[in-house]
């Protein structure tokens, strides 16, 4: 049973297509602080600590950390097939763009609506960066994310 669907325009930063369950973080993310073999966030005290970002559409405000560790972190996740399928950010920075290009992960920003108000963990999200469209299927009430 599907929930309601919302389609929003967005700005393409790194092209491609990705879809999956949304994982939302209100805190910046350093991909180096995730387990490169599993995709589990291991940064102590982070709101996503212990959560798995593998094959998820990751919604987060921005990246953090130096260029080398951020790029290396996302690249290792992608090399082990546990990277997010797409990235939706609020504040993009150069290091995050380079990381997404190297890892071949679609990256978008500037959604028509605030992604933190529109997308919730567990929603099903399709990111078509080429067309500049994000489609959100709201989770059915009572659904719990693993």
C-alpha atoms as a PDB file:
ATOM      1  CA  UNK A   1       0.000   0.000   0.000  1.00  0.00           C
ATOM      2  CA  UNK A   2       1.477   3.317  -1.091  1.00  0.00           C
ATOM      3  CA  UNK A   3       1.250   6.653   0.649  1.00  0.00           C
ATOM      4  CA  UNK A   4       0.762  10.005  -1.052  1.00  0.00           C
ATOM      5  CA  UNK A   5       3.259  11.150  -3.665  1.00  0.00           C
ATOM      6  CA  UNK A   6       4.948  14.564  -3.961  1.00  0.00           C
ATOM      7  CA  UNK A   7       7.048  15.697  -6.920  1.00  0.00           C
ATOM      8  CA  UNK A   8       9.459  18.593  -6.471  1.00  0.00           C
ATOM      9  CA  UNK A   9      11.812  20.390  -8.811  1.00  0.00           C
ATOM     10  CA  UNK A  10      15.450  20.496  -7.742  1.00  0.00           C
ATOM     11  CA  UNK A  11      18.844  21.712  -8.921  1.00  0.00           C
ATOM     12  CA  UNK A  12      21.226  19.124 -10.398  1.00  0.00           C
ATOM     13  CA  UNK A  13      24.776  19.268  -9.078  1.00  0.00           C
ATOM     14  CA  UNK A  14      25.966  15.752 -10.000  1.00  0.00           C
ATOM     15  CA  UNK A  15      23.856  13.928 -12.564  1.00  0.00           C
ATOM     16  CA  UNK A  16      22.353  10.500 -12.406  1.00  0.00           C
ATOM     17  CA  UNK A  17      19.412   8.648 -10.919  1.00  0.00           C
ATOM     18  CA  UNK A  18      19.007   7.019  -7.529  1.00  0.00           C
ATOM     19  CA  UNK A  19      16.113   5.773  -5.472  1.00  0.00           C
ATOM     20  CA  UNK A  20      15.468   4.174  -2.132  1.00  0.00           C
ATOM     21  CA  UNK A  21      14.305   4.692   1.391  1.00  0.00           C
ATOM     22  CA  UNK A  22      15.097   8.146   2.748  1.00  0.00           C
ATOM     23  CA  UNK A  23      17.503   8.577   5.642  1.00  0.00           C
ATOM     24  CA  UNK A  24      17.355  12.107   7.041  1.00  0.00           C
ATOM     25  CA  UNK A  25      20.039  13.765   9.154  1.00  0.00           C
ATOM     26  CA  UNK A  26      19.790  17.282  10.541  1.00  0.00           C
ATOM     27  CA  UNK A  27      23.540  17.170  11.225  1.00  0.00           C
ATOM     28  CA  UNK A  28      26.354  17.460   8.642  1.00  0.00           C
ATOM     29  CA  UNK A  29      27.943  14.146   7.670  1.00  0.00           C
ATOM     30  CA  UNK A  30      31.536  12.994   7.299  1.00  0.00           C
ATOM     31  CA  UNK A  31      31.524   9.871   5.121  1.00  0.00           C
ATOM     32  CA  UNK A  32      34.900   8.863   6.521  1.00  0.00           C
ATOM     33  CA  UNK A  33      33.144   8.234   9.844  1.00  0.00           C
ATOM     34  CA  UNK A  34      31.024   5.437   8.370  1.00  0.00           C
ATOM     35  CA  UNK A  35      32.053   1.816   8.158  1.00  0.00           C
ATOM     36  CA  UNK A  36      33.346   1.409   4.575  1.00  0.00           C
ATOM     37  CA  UNK A  37      32.255  -2.239   4.423  1.00  0.00           C
ATOM     38  CA  UNK A  38      28.709  -1.863   5.794  1.00  0.00           C
ATOM     39  CA  UNK A  39      27.687   1.798   5.447  1.00  0.00           C
ATOM     40  CA  UNK A  40      26.878   2.097   9.157  1.00  0.00           C
ATOM     41  CA  UNK A  41      27.511   5.546  10.641  1.00  0.00           C
ATOM     42  CA  UNK A  42      30.080   5.172  13.404  1.00  0.00           C
ATOM     43  CA  UNK A  43      30.528   8.821  14.424  1.00  0.00           C
ATOM     44  CA  UNK A  44      29.956   8.950  18.178  1.00  0.00           C
ATOM     45  CA  UNK A  45      27.089  11.205  19.204  1.00  0.00           C
ATOM     46  CA  UNK A  46      25.840  11.771  15.636  1.00  0.00           C
ATOM     47  CA  UNK A  47      22.069  11.505  15.266  1.00  0.00           C
ATOM     48  CA  UNK A  48      22.610   8.711  12.704  1.00  0.00           C
ATOM     49  CA  UNK A  49      25.120   6.767  14.817  1.00  0.00           C
ATOM     50  CA  UNK A  50      24.444   3.068  14.248  1.00  0.00           C
ATOM     51  CA  UNK A  51      22.176   3.701  11.227  1.00  0.00           C
ATOM     52  CA  UNK A  52      22.984   2.263   7.833  1.00  0.00           C
ATOM     53  CA  UNK A  53      23.128   4.667   4.872  1.00  0.00           C
ATOM     54  CA  UNK A  54      23.768   1.931   2.300  1.00  0.00           C
ATOM     55  CA  UNK A  55      21.375   2.165  -0.641  1.00  0.00           C
ATOM     56  CA  UNK A  56      19.430   5.001   0.994  1.00  0.00           C
ATOM     57  CA  UNK A  57      18.628   8.442  -0.361  1.00  0.00           C
ATOM     58  CA  UNK A  58      20.521  10.547   2.143  1.00  0.00           C
ATOM     59  CA  UNK A  59      19.049  13.927   3.071  1.00  0.00           C
ATOM     60  CA  UNK A  60      21.440  16.113   5.080  1.00  0.00           C
ATOM     61  CA  UNK A  61      22.440  19.747   5.463  1.00  0.00           C
ATOM     62  CA  UNK A  62      26.065  19.486   4.260  1.00  0.00           C
ATOM     63  CA  UNK A  63      29.264  17.537   4.451  1.00  0.00           C
ATOM     64  CA  UNK A  64      31.999  18.096   6.983  1.00  0.00           C
ATOM     65  CA  UNK A  65      35.704  17.321   7.321  1.00  0.00           C
ATOM     66  CA  UNK A  66      38.710  17.901   5.112  1.00  0.00           C
ATOM     67  CA  UNK A  67      38.629  17.055   1.436  1.00  0.00           C
ATOM     68  CA  UNK A  68      40.818  13.965   1.689  1.00  0.00           C
ATOM     69  CA  UNK A  69      38.765  12.148   4.333  1.00  0.00           C
ATOM     70  CA  UNK A  70      35.401  13.137   2.857  1.00  0.00           C
ATOM     71  CA  UNK A  71      36.333  12.038  -0.660  1.00  0.00           C
ATOM     72  CA  UNK A  72      38.021   8.850   0.594  1.00  0.00           C
ATOM     73  CA  UNK A  73      35.038   8.013   2.787  1.00  0.00           C
ATOM     74  CA  UNK A  74      32.394   8.231   0.058  1.00  0.00           C
ATOM     75  CA  UNK A  75      34.685   6.548  -2.491  1.00  0.00           C
ATOM     76  CA  UNK A  76      35.220   3.546  -0.171  1.00  0.00           C
ATOM     77  CA  UNK A  77      31.476   3.263   0.447  1.00  0.00           C
ATOM     78  CA  UNK A  78      30.848   3.288  -3.316  1.00  0.00           C
ATOM     79  CA  UNK A  79      33.666   0.776  -3.940  1.00  0.00           C
ATOM     80  CA  UNK A  80      31.969  -1.620  -1.510  1.00  0.00           C
ATOM     81  CA  UNK A  81      28.479  -0.990  -2.952  1.00  0.00           C
ATOM     82  CA  UNK A  82      27.238   0.511   0.319  1.00  0.00           C
ATOM     83  CA  UNK A  83      27.064   4.185  -0.669  1.00  0.00           C
ATOM     84  CA  UNK A  84      23.803   6.111  -0.634  1.00  0.00           C
ATOM     85  CA  UNK A  85      21.939   5.882  -3.958  1.00  0.00           C
ATOM     86  CA  UNK A  86      21.534   9.677  -4.050  1.00  0.00           C
ATOM     87  CA  UNK A  87      22.330  12.745  -1.964  1.00  0.00           C
ATOM     88  CA  UNK A  88      19.974  15.647  -1.231  1.00  0.00           C
ATOM     89  CA  UNK A  89      21.687  18.553   0.522  1.00  0.00           C
ATOM     90  CA  UNK A  90      20.708  21.971   1.748  1.00  0.00           C
ATOM     91  CA  UNK A  91      24.160  23.630   1.654  1.00  0.00           C
ATOM     92  CA  UNK A  92      26.527  22.206  -0.902  1.00  0.00           C
ATOM     93  CA  UNK A  93      30.283  22.700  -0.769  1.00  0.00           C
ATOM     94  CA  UNK A  94      33.056  21.872  -3.222  1.00  0.00           C
ATOM     95  CA  UNK A  95      34.370  18.866  -1.291  1.00  0.00           C
ATOM     96  CA  UNK A  96      30.945  17.222  -1.332  1.00  0.00           C
ATOM     97  CA  UNK A  97      30.615  17.823  -5.081  1.00  0.00           C
ATOM     98  CA  UNK A  98      34.011  16.255  -5.789  1.00  0.00           C
ATOM     99  CA  UNK A  99      33.160  13.315  -3.505  1.00  0.00           C
ATOM    100  CA  UNK A 100      29.871  12.680  -5.352  1.00  0.00           C
ATOM    101  CA  UNK A 101      31.531  12.950  -8.775  1.00  0.00           C
ATOM    102  CA  UNK A 102      34.267  10.460  -7.857  1.00  0.00           C
ATOM    103  CA  UNK A 103      31.800   8.053  -6.230  1.00  0.00           C
ATOM    104  CA  UNK A 104      29.243   8.521  -9.061  1.00  0.00           C
ATOM    105  CA  UNK A 105      26.429   9.357  -6.648  1.00  0.00           C
ATOM    106  CA  UNK A 106      23.725  11.787  -7.839  1.00  0.00           C
ATOM    107  CA  UNK A 107      23.703  15.037  -5.834  1.00  0.00           C
ATOM    108  CA  UNK A 108      20.956  17.672  -5.830  1.00  0.00           C
ATOM    109  CA  UNK A 109      20.011  20.756  -3.847  1.00  0.00           C
ATOM    110  CA  UNK A 110      17.534  23.667  -3.946  1.00  0.00           C
ATOM    111  CA  UNK A 111      14.346  21.627  -3.734  1.00  0.00           C
ATOM    112  CA  UNK A 112      11.139  23.642  -4.185  1.00  0.00           C
ATOM    113  CA  UNK A 113      10.261  22.843  -0.578  1.00  0.00           C
ATOM    114  CA  UNK A 114      12.488  22.481   2.457  1.00  0.00           C
ATOM    115  CA  UNK A 115      13.683  18.855   2.308  1.00  0.00           C
ATOM    116  CA  UNK A 116      13.705  18.646   6.116  1.00  0.00           C
ATOM    117  CA  UNK A 117      10.001  19.499   6.239  1.00  0.00           C
ATOM    118  CA  UNK A 118       8.989  17.408   3.220  1.00  0.00           C
ATOM    119  CA  UNK A 119      11.085  14.232   3.439  1.00  0.00           C
ATOM    120  CA  UNK A 120      11.159  11.953   6.475  1.00  0.00           C
ATOM    121  CA  UNK A 121      13.187   8.842   7.210  1.00  0.00           C
ATOM    122  CA  UNK A 122      11.327   5.882   5.759  1.00  0.00           C
ATOM    123  CA  UNK A 123       9.728   7.753   2.843  1.00  0.00           C
ATOM    124  CA  UNK A 124      10.552   6.286  -0.580  1.00  0.00           C
ATOM    125  CA  UNK A 125      12.450   8.833  -2.684  1.00  0.00           C
ATOM    126  CA  UNK A 126      13.431   8.911  -6.365  1.00  0.00           C
ATOM    127  CA  UNK A 127      16.083  11.422  -7.403  1.00  0.00           C
ATOM    128  CA  UNK A 128      16.313  12.095 -11.131  1.00  0.00           C
ATOM    129  CA  UNK A 129      19.086  14.672 -11.213  1.00  0.00           C
ATOM    130  CA  UNK A 130      19.081  14.777 -15.026  1.00  0.00           C
ATOM    131  CA  UNK A 131      15.455  15.913 -15.114  1.00  0.00           C
ATOM    132  CA  UNK A 132      15.764  17.983 -11.938  1.00  0.00           C
ATOM    133  CA  UNK A 133      12.988  16.068 -10.169  1.00  0.00           C
ATOM    134  CA  UNK A 134      12.675  14.490  -6.734  1.00  0.00           C
ATOM    135  CA  UNK A 135       9.638  12.261  -6.160  1.00  0.00           C
ATOM    136  CA  UNK A 136       8.680  11.390  -2.592  1.00  0.00           C
ATOM    137  CA  UNK A 137       6.229   8.653  -1.698  1.00  0.00           C
ATOM    138  CA  UNK A 138       5.229   9.258   1.899  1.00  0.00           C
ATOM    139  CA  UNK A 139       5.494   6.214   4.124  1.00  0.00           C
ATOM    140  CA  UNK A 140       2.234   4.694   5.205  1.00  0.00           C
ATOM    141  CA  UNK A 141       1.451   5.528   8.823  1.00  0.00           C
ATOM    142  CA  UNK A 142       2.470   2.781  11.172  1.00  0.00           C
ATOM    143  CA  UNK A 143       5.555   2.011   9.072  1.00  0.00           C
ATOM    144  CA  UNK A 144       8.790   1.693  11.005  1.00  0.00           C
ATOM    145  CA  UNK A 145      12.205   1.888   9.403  1.00  0.00           C
ATOM    146  CA  UNK A 146      14.754  -0.852  10.036  1.00  0.00           C
END
